[in-house]
Amino acid sequence: MLVSASSTSGSSRETYTYDTFTTGLIIEDLHYKSSDPAPGQTVPKFDLELVGGDRLRSEELGGAPVLLVFGSRTCPVTVSARKPLRNLHKQFGSKVRFVLINTREAHPGDKIPQPKTLDDKRRHARALGAFMGPHFEVALDDIDGTFHRAMGPKPNSAYILAPDGTILFRAHWANDAVSLAPALDAAARRDRLPRTKSRRLVRPLLNAIGFLPRVVRDGGGKVERDVWRAVPPFALMGRLSKLFFFLPENQRGAAVVFLLLSLVVYAIWG
């Protein structure tokens, strides 16, 4: 599906369709490499299948800017981005094309395993599109994630592209609406963007913690077992987030942090 792509390295790029999430994968997810496409550069050429027919091609993006979001149904950050992205579409959907690209499963589980064939990936793309909402056009990469790897295989990154394929903005996480909103506003008005990158990590990840139990429920128990082995603090916070069932899911991670800090202070001074 990709016309041209540079060679890449790193654990998640070499074992793209992994079955078990590992510590090395999350470490890699937390930073971009200097060789990854960045704002000001032209997006690597691609020709992707769209769910429902037709194609998405880098040379034929249309006359409007494009918000390109990568994601999967087993990525807690993708799940947490559903409402923020829906709200952004309400603001900018008439002037910006919203495209969701289904990737490998971030946390493959018993119920939602890693796709092994293109037909598997089509089913996953349809399910992800149904979950995220009808405002997205849904595209899928090939089974080896050629385009995703060429962009730097982050589980839920977001890019704003100009109609000619120039990368205008890059967000590490698509639930980062605080950073995406002003960038989309400027792109829609064809103005200079106030910023071209968002490296925010802590808040987007905290917002996603409360969605981990939902991903475990939908993906299967293997998801949680893998997270316990790879990132025990995240698994613990996800489990504790259930205590705050009375809060919206995107607020439960911050509540867990407050709880843990309170326990530390009590242990020291109590």
C-alpha atoms as a PDB file:
ATOM      1  CA  MET A   1       0.000   0.000   0.000  1.00  0.00           C
ATOM      2  CA  LEU A   2       2.944   2.313   0.494  1.00  0.00           C
ATOM      3  CA  VAL A   3       4.635   3.483  -2.664  1.00  0.00           C
ATOM      4  CA  SER A   4       7.904   4.295  -0.918  1.00  0.00           C
ATOM      5  CA  ALA A   5       9.179   3.980   2.633  1.00  0.00           C
ATOM      6  CA  SER A   6      12.535   4.275   4.329  1.00  0.00           C
ATOM      7  CA  SER A   7      13.987   1.394   6.276  1.00  0.00           C
ATOM      8  CA  THR A   8      13.307   1.501   9.994  1.00  0.00           C
ATOM      9  CA  SER A   9      14.579  -0.117  13.146  1.00  0.00           C
ATOM     10  CA  GLY A  10      13.413  -0.709  16.691  1.00  0.00           C
ATOM     11  CA  SER A  11      11.503  -3.480  18.391  1.00  0.00           C
ATOM     12  CA  SER A  12       7.978  -2.464  17.421  1.00  0.00           C
ATOM     13  CA  ARG A  13       9.029  -1.920  13.814  1.00  0.00           C
ATOM     14  CA  GLU A  14      10.831  -5.239  13.463  1.00  0.00           C
ATOM     15  CA  THR A  15       8.025  -7.243  15.081  1.00  0.00           C
ATOM     16  CA  TYR A  16       5.073  -5.211  13.883  1.00  0.00           C
ATOM     17  CA  THR A  17       2.401  -7.865  14.336  1.00  0.00           C
ATOM     18  CA  TYR A  18       3.500  -8.897  17.827  1.00  0.00           C
ATOM     19  CA  ASP A  19       1.207 -11.005  20.006  1.00  0.00           C
ATOM     20  CA  THR A  20       2.552  -9.852  23.377  1.00  0.00           C
ATOM     21  CA  PHE A  21       3.014  -6.262  24.506  1.00  0.00           C
ATOM     22  CA  THR A  22       6.434  -5.690  26.118  1.00  0.00           C
ATOM     23  CA  THR A  23       8.263  -3.039  28.139  1.00  0.00           C
ATOM     24  CA  GLY A  24      10.426  -2.214  25.132  1.00  0.00           C
ATOM     25  CA  LEU A  25       7.351  -1.320  23.109  1.00  0.00           C
ATOM     26  CA  ILE A  26       6.115   1.320  25.528  1.00  0.00           C
ATOM     27  CA  ILE A  27       9.600   2.805  25.857  1.00  0.00           C
ATOM     28  CA  GLU A  28       9.688   3.151  22.087  1.00  0.00           C
ATOM     29  CA  ASP A  29       6.194   4.642  22.046  1.00  0.00           C
ATOM     30  CA  LEU A  30       7.269   7.517  24.296  1.00  0.00           C
ATOM     31  CA  HIS A  31       9.559   9.261  21.828  1.00  0.00           C
ATOM     32  CA  TYR A  32       9.983  10.001  18.144  1.00  0.00           C
ATOM     33  CA  LYS A  33      13.199   9.370  16.278  1.00  0.00           C
ATOM     34  CA  SER A  34      14.914  12.200  14.443  1.00  0.00           C
ATOM     35  CA  SER A  35      14.366  10.252  11.213  1.00  0.00           C
ATOM     36  CA  ASP A  36      10.569  10.128  11.668  1.00  0.00           C
ATOM     37  CA  PRO A  37       8.538  12.467   9.417  1.00  0.00           C
ATOM     38  CA  ALA A  38       8.110  15.872  11.049  1.00  0.00           C
ATOM     39  CA  PRO A  39       6.195  19.099  10.410  1.00  0.00           C
ATOM     40  CA  GLY A  40       7.420  20.895   7.318  1.00  0.00           C
ATOM     41  CA  GLN A  41       8.196  17.641   5.522  1.00  0.00           C
ATOM     42  CA  THR A  42       6.046  15.871   2.954  1.00  0.00           C
ATOM     43  CA  VAL A  43       4.178  12.833   4.200  1.00  0.00           C
ATOM     44  CA  PRO A  44       5.595   9.533   2.832  1.00  0.00           C
ATOM     45  CA  LYS A  45       3.628   8.422  -0.212  1.00  0.00           C
ATOM     46  CA  PHE A  46       0.753   6.077   0.523  1.00  0.00           C
ATOM     47  CA  ASP A  47      -2.172   4.376  -1.164  1.00  0.00           C
ATOM     48  CA  LEU A  48      -4.542   2.971   1.464  1.00  0.00           C
ATOM     49  CA  GLU A  49      -7.780   1.047   1.284  1.00  0.00           C
ATOM     50  CA  LEU A  50     -10.810   2.837   2.720  1.00  0.00           C
ATOM     51  CA  VAL A  51     -13.527   0.892   4.540  1.00  0.00           C
ATOM     52  CA  GLY A  52     -16.536   0.818   2.232  1.00  0.00           C
ATOM     53  CA  GLY A  53     -14.498   1.109  -0.945  1.00  0.00           C
ATOM     54  CA  ASP A  54     -12.343   3.702  -2.681  1.00  0.00           C
ATOM     55  CA  ARG A  55      -8.759   4.617  -1.809  1.00  0.00           C
ATOM     56  CA  LEU A  56      -6.902   7.217   0.242  1.00  0.00           C
ATOM     57  CA  ARG A  57      -3.853   8.444  -1.656  1.00  0.00           C
ATOM     58  CA  SER A  58      -1.209  10.941  -0.627  1.00  0.00           C
ATOM     59  CA  GLU A  59      -1.426  12.631  -4.034  1.00  0.00           C
ATOM     60  CA  GLU A  60      -5.224  12.967  -3.879  1.00  0.00           C
ATOM     61  CA  LEU A  61      -6.075  14.330  -0.435  1.00  0.00           C
ATOM     62  CA  GLY A  62      -8.671  16.772  -1.709  1.00  0.00           C
ATOM     63  CA  GLY A  63      -8.905  20.497  -1.218  1.00  0.00           C
ATOM     64  CA  ALA A  64      -9.096  20.589   2.583  1.00  0.00           C
ATOM     65  CA  PRO A  65      -6.578  19.914   5.358  1.00  0.00           C
ATOM     66  CA  VAL A  66      -6.612  16.348   6.696  1.00  0.00           C
ATOM     67  CA  LEU A  67      -6.507  15.215  10.308  1.00  0.00           C
ATOM     68  CA  LEU A  68      -4.840  11.812  10.155  1.00  0.00           C
ATOM     69  CA  VAL A  69      -5.284   9.719  13.317  1.00  0.00           C
ATOM     70  CA  PHE A  70      -3.661   6.327  13.924  1.00  0.00           C
ATOM     71  CA  GLY A  71      -5.306   3.945  16.354  1.00  0.00           C
ATOM     72  CA  SER A  72      -6.622   0.546  17.355  1.00  0.00           C
ATOM     73  CA  ARG A  73      -9.471  -0.783  19.445  1.00  0.00           C
ATOM     74  CA  THR A  74      -7.091  -2.169  22.097  1.00  0.00           C
ATOM     75  CA  CYS A  75      -5.248   1.116  22.659  1.00  0.00           C
ATOM     76  CA  PRO A  76      -6.543   2.886  25.803  1.00  0.00           C
ATOM     77  CA  VAL A  77      -5.435   6.265  24.457  1.00  0.00           C
ATOM     78  CA  THR A  78      -7.344   5.694  21.204  1.00  0.00           C
ATOM     79  CA  VAL A  79     -10.438   4.759  23.208  1.00  0.00           C
ATOM     80  CA  SER A  80      -9.985   7.851  25.373  1.00  0.00           C
ATOM     81  CA  ALA A  81      -9.718  10.000  22.235  1.00  0.00           C
ATOM     82  CA  ARG A  82     -13.200   9.107  20.971  1.00  0.00           C
ATOM     83  CA  LYS A  83     -15.055  11.956  22.700  1.00  0.00           C
ATOM     84  CA  PRO A  84     -12.351  14.650  22.227  1.00  0.00           C
ATOM     85  CA  LEU A  85     -12.121  13.843  18.515  1.00  0.00           C
ATOM     86  CA  ARG A  86     -15.894  13.866  18.152  1.00  0.00           C
ATOM     87  CA  ASN A  87     -15.954  17.332  19.717  1.00  0.00           C
ATOM     88  CA  LEU A  88     -13.188  18.517  17.408  1.00  0.00           C
ATOM     89  CA  HIS A  89     -15.178  17.247  14.435  1.00  0.00           C
ATOM     90  CA  LYS A  90     -18.166  19.305  15.567  1.00  0.00           C
ATOM     91  CA  GLN A  91     -15.935  22.379  15.454  1.00  0.00           C
ATOM     92  CA  PHE A  92     -13.877  21.715  12.348  1.00  0.00           C
ATOM     93  CA  GLY A  93     -15.505  18.854  10.425  1.00  0.00           C
ATOM     94  CA  SER A  94     -16.902  21.157   7.746  1.00  0.00           C
ATOM     95  CA  LYS A  95     -13.404  22.441   6.919  1.00  0.00           C
ATOM     96  CA  VAL A  96     -11.106  19.526   7.767  1.00  0.00           C
ATOM     97  CA  ARG A  97     -11.190  15.933   6.525  1.00  0.00           C
ATOM     98  CA  PHE A  98     -11.089  13.453   9.435  1.00  0.00           C
ATOM     99  CA  VAL A  99      -9.350  10.153   8.586  1.00  0.00           C
ATOM    100  CA  LEU A 100      -8.726   7.271  10.995  1.00  0.00           C
ATOM    101  CA  ILE A 101      -6.072   4.694  10.085  1.00  0.00           C
ATOM    102  CA  ASN A 102      -6.477   1.311  11.750  1.00  0.00           C
ATOM    103  CA  THR A 103      -3.079  -0.012  12.856  1.00  0.00           C
ATOM    104  CA  ARG A 104      -1.903  -3.193  14.553  1.00  0.00           C
ATOM    105  CA  GLU A 105      -3.576  -3.837  17.893  1.00  0.00           C
ATOM    106  CA  ALA A 106      -1.640  -1.999  20.601  1.00  0.00           C
ATOM    107  CA  HIS A 107      -2.573  -4.609  23.245  1.00  0.00           C
ATOM    108  CA  PRO A 108      -3.714  -7.783  21.485  1.00  0.00           C
ATOM    109  CA  GLY A 109      -5.886  -9.959  23.699  1.00  0.00           C
ATOM    110  CA  ASP A 110      -8.006 -13.074  23.790  1.00  0.00           C
ATOM    111  CA  LYS A 111     -11.080 -11.401  22.318  1.00  0.00           C
ATOM    112  CA  ILE A 112      -9.313  -8.950  19.995  1.00  0.00           C
ATOM    113  CA  PRO A 113      -6.112 -10.666  18.827  1.00  0.00           C
ATOM    114  CA  GLN A 114      -3.495  -9.241  16.531  1.00  0.00           C
ATOM    115  CA  PRO A 115      -4.750  -9.399  12.931  1.00  0.00           C
ATOM    116  CA  LYS A 116      -2.764 -11.881  10.858  1.00  0.00           C
ATOM    117  CA  THR A 117      -4.425 -11.450   7.471  1.00  0.00           C
ATOM    118  CA  LEU A 118      -5.746  -8.515   5.479  1.00  0.00           C
ATOM    119  CA  ASP A 119      -9.294  -9.796   5.988  1.00  0.00           C
ATOM    120  CA  ASP A 120      -8.671  -9.754   9.760  1.00  0.00           C
ATOM    121  CA  LYS A 121      -7.454  -6.200   9.484  1.00  0.00           C
ATOM    122  CA  ARG A 122     -10.528  -5.171   7.488  1.00  0.00           C
ATOM    123  CA  ARG A 123     -12.757  -6.540  10.249  1.00  0.00           C
ATOM    124  CA  HIS A 124     -10.766  -4.686  12.883  1.00  0.00           C
ATOM    125  CA  ALA A 125     -10.937  -1.469  10.858  1.00  0.00           C
ATOM    126  CA  ARG A 126     -14.712  -1.742  10.530  1.00  0.00           C
ATOM    127  CA  ALA A 127     -15.074  -2.376  14.262  1.00  0.00           C
ATOM    128  CA  LEU A 128     -12.808   0.541  15.137  1.00  0.00           C
ATOM    129  CA  GLY A 129     -14.703   2.843  12.805  1.00  0.00           C
ATOM    130  CA  ALA A 130     -18.032   1.805  14.315  1.00  0.00           C
ATOM    131  CA  PHE A 131     -16.650   2.506  17.772  1.00  0.00           C
ATOM    132  CA  MET A 132     -15.016   5.871  17.023  1.00  0.00           C
ATOM    133  CA  GLY A 133     -17.972   7.296  15.104  1.00  0.00           C
ATOM    134  CA  PRO A 134     -19.298   7.974  11.602  1.00  0.00           C
ATOM    135  CA  HIS A 135     -17.489  11.307  11.261  1.00  0.00           C
ATOM    136  CA  PHE A 136     -14.289   9.422  10.412  1.00  0.00           C
ATOM    137  CA  GLU A 137     -13.293   7.978   7.082  1.00  0.00           C
ATOM    138  CA  VAL A 138     -11.558   4.744   8.072  1.00  0.00           C
ATOM    139  CA  ALA A 139      -8.496   3.496   6.223  1.00  0.00           C
ATOM    140  CA  LEU A 140      -6.309   0.455   6.801  1.00  0.00           C
ATOM    141  CA  ASP A 141      -2.631  -0.083   6.255  1.00  0.00           C
ATOM    142  CA  ASP A 142      -1.254  -3.359   4.922  1.00  0.00           C
ATOM    143  CA  ILE A 143      -0.727  -6.230   7.344  1.00  0.00           C
ATOM    144  CA  ASP A 144       2.924  -5.248   7.886  1.00  0.00           C
ATOM    145  CA  GLY A 145       2.014  -1.640   8.708  1.00  0.00           C
ATOM    146  CA  THR A 146       4.203  -0.182   5.978  1.00  0.00           C
ATOM    147  CA  PHE A 147       2.785   3.339   6.171  1.00  0.00           C
ATOM    148  CA  HIS A 148       2.436   3.273   9.958  1.00  0.00           C
ATOM    149  CA  ARG A 149       6.080   2.238  10.336  1.00  0.00           C
ATOM    150  CA  ALA A 150       7.180   4.917   7.882  1.00  0.00           C
ATOM    151  CA  MET A 151       5.491   7.546  10.048  1.00  0.00           C
ATOM    152  CA  GLY A 152       6.947   6.213  13.312  1.00  0.00           C
ATOM    153  CA  PRO A 153       4.650   3.477  14.690  1.00  0.00           C
ATOM    154  CA  LYS A 154       3.041   5.290  17.609  1.00  0.00           C
ATOM    155  CA  PRO A 155      -0.229   3.717  18.835  1.00  0.00           C
ATOM    156  CA  ASN A 156      -2.363   6.868  18.653  1.00  0.00           C
ATOM    157  CA  SER A 157      -0.498   9.717  16.997  1.00  0.00           C
ATOM    158  CA  ALA A 158      -2.235  12.453  15.007  1.00  0.00           C
ATOM    159  CA  TYR A 159      -1.072  14.543  12.063  1.00  0.00           C
ATOM    160  CA  ILE A 160      -2.558  17.512  10.280  1.00  0.00           C
ATOM    161  CA  LEU A 161      -1.720  17.478   6.574  1.00  0.00           C
ATOM    162  CA  ALA A 162      -2.064  20.270   4.056  1.00  0.00           C
ATOM    163  CA  PRO A 163      -3.909  19.323   0.845  1.00  0.00           C
ATOM    164  CA  ASP A 164      -0.528  18.961  -0.904  1.00  0.00           C
ATOM    165  CA  GLY A 165       0.666  16.426   1.685  1.00  0.00           C
ATOM    166  CA  THR A 166       2.868  18.726   3.763  1.00  0.00           C
ATOM    167  CA  ILE A 167       2.832  17.806   7.450  1.00  0.00           C
ATOM    168  CA  LEU A 168       1.594  20.883   9.304  1.00  0.00           C
ATOM    169  CA  PHE A 169       1.313  19.482  12.820  1.00  0.00           C
ATOM    170  CA  ARG A 170       2.168  16.351  14.803  1.00  0.00           C
ATOM    171  CA  ALA A 171       0.645  15.309  18.129  1.00  0.00           C
ATOM    172  CA  HIS A 172       2.052  12.383  20.058  1.00  0.00           C
ATOM    173  CA  TRP A 173      -1.443  11.410  21.241  1.00  0.00           C
ATOM    174  CA  ALA A 174      -4.768  12.024  19.524  1.00  0.00           C
ATOM    175  CA  ASN A 175      -6.609  12.654  22.798  1.00  0.00           C
ATOM    176  CA  ASP A 176      -4.539  15.837  23.152  1.00  0.00           C
ATOM    177  CA  ALA A 177      -7.415  18.102  22.123  1.00  0.00           C
ATOM    178  CA  VAL A 178      -5.869  21.088  23.920  1.00  0.00           C
ATOM    179  CA  SER A 179      -3.044  21.062  21.371  1.00  0.00           C
ATOM    180  CA  LEU A 180      -5.021  19.859  18.356  1.00  0.00           C
ATOM    181  CA  ALA A 181      -7.811  22.475  18.562  1.00  0.00           C
ATOM    182  CA  PRO A 182      -5.711  25.604  17.864  1.00  0.00           C
ATOM    183  CA  ALA A 183      -3.730  23.753  15.199  1.00  0.00           C
ATOM    184  CA  LEU A 184      -6.914  22.629  13.427  1.00  0.00           C
ATOM    185  CA  ASP A 185      -8.370  26.123  13.696  1.00  0.00           C
ATOM    186  CA  ALA A 186      -5.326  27.669  12.036  1.00  0.00           C
ATOM    187  CA  ALA A 187      -5.132  24.934   9.376  1.00  0.00           C
ATOM    188  CA  ALA A 188      -8.833  25.338   8.550  1.00  0.00           C
ATOM    189  CA  ARG A 189      -8.328  29.101   8.088  1.00  0.00           C
ATOM    190  CA  ARG A 190      -5.109  28.509   6.095  1.00  0.00           C
ATOM    191  CA  ASP A 191      -3.205  30.544   8.674  1.00  0.00           C
ATOM    192  CA  ARG A 192       0.210  29.926  10.140  1.00  0.00           C
ATOM    193  CA  LEU A 193      -0.044  27.380  12.948  1.00  0.00           C
ATOM    194  CA  PRO A 194       0.876  28.699  16.426  1.00  0.00           C
ATOM    195  CA  ARG A 195       2.795  25.466  17.083  1.00  0.00           C
ATOM    196  CA  THR A 196       3.766  22.568  14.854  1.00  0.00           C
ATOM    197  CA  LYS A 197       4.271  19.814  17.458  1.00  0.00           C
ATOM    198  CA  SER A 198       2.838  18.605  20.730  1.00  0.00           C
ATOM    199  CA  ARG A 199       5.034  16.425  22.909  1.00  0.00           C
ATOM    200  CA  ARG A 200       2.567  16.267  25.798  1.00  0.00           C
ATOM    201  CA  LEU A 201       2.786  12.851  27.455  1.00  0.00           C
ATOM    202  CA  VAL A 202       1.687  12.945  31.086  1.00  0.00           C
ATOM    203  CA  ARG A 203      -1.811  14.377  30.726  1.00  0.00           C
ATOM    204  CA  PRO A 204      -2.789  12.283  27.664  1.00  0.00           C
ATOM    205  CA  LEU A 205      -1.606   9.104  29.399  1.00  0.00           C
ATOM    206  CA  LEU A 206      -3.343  10.014  32.652  1.00  0.00           C
ATOM    207  CA  ASN A 207      -6.549  10.654  30.735  1.00  0.00           C
ATOM    208  CA  ALA A 208      -6.271   7.152  29.267  1.00  0.00           C
ATOM    209  CA  ILE A 209      -5.733   5.256  32.547  1.00  0.00           C
ATOM    210  CA  GLY A 210      -9.443   5.125  33.356  1.00  0.00           C
ATOM    211  CA  PHE A 211     -10.149   3.510  29.983  1.00  0.00           C
ATOM    212  CA  LEU A 212      -7.790   0.565  30.549  1.00  0.00           C
ATOM    213  CA  PRO A 213     -10.457  -1.557  32.342  1.00  0.00           C
ATOM    214  CA  ARG A 214     -12.759  -1.082  29.341  1.00  0.00           C
ATOM    215  CA  VAL A 215     -10.007  -2.205  26.959  1.00  0.00           C
ATOM    216  CA  VAL A 216      -9.373  -5.249  29.177  1.00  0.00           C
ATOM    217  CA  ARG A 217     -13.090  -6.055  29.172  1.00  0.00           C
ATOM    218  CA  ASP A 218     -13.380  -5.766  25.390  1.00  0.00           C
ATOM    219  CA  GLY A 219      -9.968  -7.168  24.429  1.00  0.00           C
ATOM    220  CA  GLY A 220      -9.738 -10.006  26.928  1.00  0.00           C
ATOM    221  CA  GLY A 221      -7.830 -10.807  30.110  1.00  0.00           C
ATOM    222  CA  LYS A 222      -4.542 -11.242  28.242  1.00  0.00           C
ATOM    223  CA  VAL A 223      -4.454  -7.473  27.786  1.00  0.00           C
ATOM    224  CA  GLU A 224      -4.220  -6.885  31.530  1.00  0.00           C
ATOM    225  CA  ARG A 225      -1.762  -9.738  32.071  1.00  0.00           C
ATOM    226  CA  ASP A 226       0.571  -8.285  29.439  1.00  0.00           C
ATOM    227  CA  VAL A 227       0.335  -4.793  30.927  1.00  0.00           C
ATOM    228  CA  TRP A 228       1.125  -6.169  34.400  1.00  0.00           C
ATOM    229  CA  ARG A 229       4.273  -7.793  33.006  1.00  0.00           C
ATOM    230  CA  ALA A 230       5.349  -4.852  30.831  1.00  0.00           C
ATOM    231  CA  VAL A 231       4.266  -1.764  32.785  1.00  0.00           C
ATOM    232  CA  PRO A 232       3.170  -2.698  36.325  1.00  0.00           C
ATOM    233  CA  PRO A 233       2.489   0.920  37.422  1.00  0.00           C
ATOM    234  CA  PHE A 234       0.004   1.375  34.559  1.00  0.00           C
ATOM    235  CA  ALA A 235      -1.689  -1.926  35.378  1.00  0.00           C
ATOM    236  CA  LEU A 236      -1.985  -0.947  39.041  1.00  0.00           C
ATOM    237  CA  MET A 237      -3.388   2.470  38.167  1.00  0.00           C
ATOM    238  CA  GLY A 238      -5.870   0.898  35.768  1.00  0.00           C
ATOM    239  CA  ARG A 239      -7.061  -1.477  38.471  1.00  0.00           C
ATOM    240  CA  LEU A 240      -7.330   1.330  41.054  1.00  0.00           C
ATOM    241  CA  SER A 241      -9.236   3.510  38.598  1.00  0.00           C
ATOM    242  CA  LYS A 242     -12.234   1.231  39.132  1.00  0.00           C
ATOM    243  CA  LEU A 243     -12.551   2.704  42.622  1.00  0.00           C
ATOM    244  CA  PHE A 244     -13.541   5.989  41.013  1.00  0.00           C
ATOM    245  CA  PHE A 245     -16.435   4.595  38.999  1.00  0.00           C
ATOM    246  CA  PHE A 246     -18.440   7.699  39.879  1.00  0.00           C
ATOM    247  CA  LEU A 247     -16.048   9.905  37.878  1.00  0.00           C
ATOM    248  CA  PRO A 248     -15.832  10.203  34.096  1.00  0.00           C
ATOM    249  CA  GLU A 249     -13.240   7.771  32.755  1.00  0.00           C
ATOM    250  CA  ASN A 250     -10.904  10.533  31.604  1.00  0.00           C
ATOM    251  CA  GLN A 251     -10.686  11.898  35.182  1.00  0.00           C
ATOM    252  CA  ARG A 252      -9.972   8.632  36.958  1.00  0.00           C
ATOM    253  CA  GLY A 253      -6.228   8.560  36.243  1.00  0.00           C
ATOM    254  CA  ALA A 254      -5.686  11.892  37.989  1.00  0.00           C
ATOM    255  CA  ALA A 255      -7.793  10.666  40.911  1.00  0.00           C
ATOM    256  CA  VAL A 256      -5.602   7.567  41.193  1.00  0.00           C
ATOM    257  CA  VAL A 257      -2.446   9.695  41.254  1.00  0.00           C
ATOM    258  CA  PHE A 258      -3.944  11.838  44.017  1.00  0.00           C
ATOM    259  CA  LEU A 259      -4.838   8.697  45.971  1.00  0.00           C
ATOM    260  CA  LEU A 260      -1.333   7.248  45.645  1.00  0.00           C
ATOM    261  CA  LEU A 261       0.333  10.522  46.615  1.00  0.00           C
ATOM    262  CA  SER A 262      -1.960  10.788  49.633  1.00  0.00           C
ATOM    263  CA  LEU A 263      -0.983   7.276  50.720  1.00  0.00           C
ATOM    264  CA  VAL A 264       2.706   8.126  50.364  1.00  0.00           C
ATOM    265  CA  VAL A 265       2.301  11.278  52.449  1.00  0.00           C
ATOM    266  CA  TYR A 266       0.358   9.328  55.089  1.00  0.00           C
ATOM    267  CA  ALA A 267       3.012   6.625  55.192  1.00  0.00           C
ATOM    268  CA  ILE A 268       5.739   9.222  55.731  1.00  0.00           C
ATOM    269  CA  TRP A 269       3.967  11.482  58.186  1.00  0.00           C
ATOM    270  CA  GLY A 270       1.149   9.384  59.592  1.00  0.00           C
END
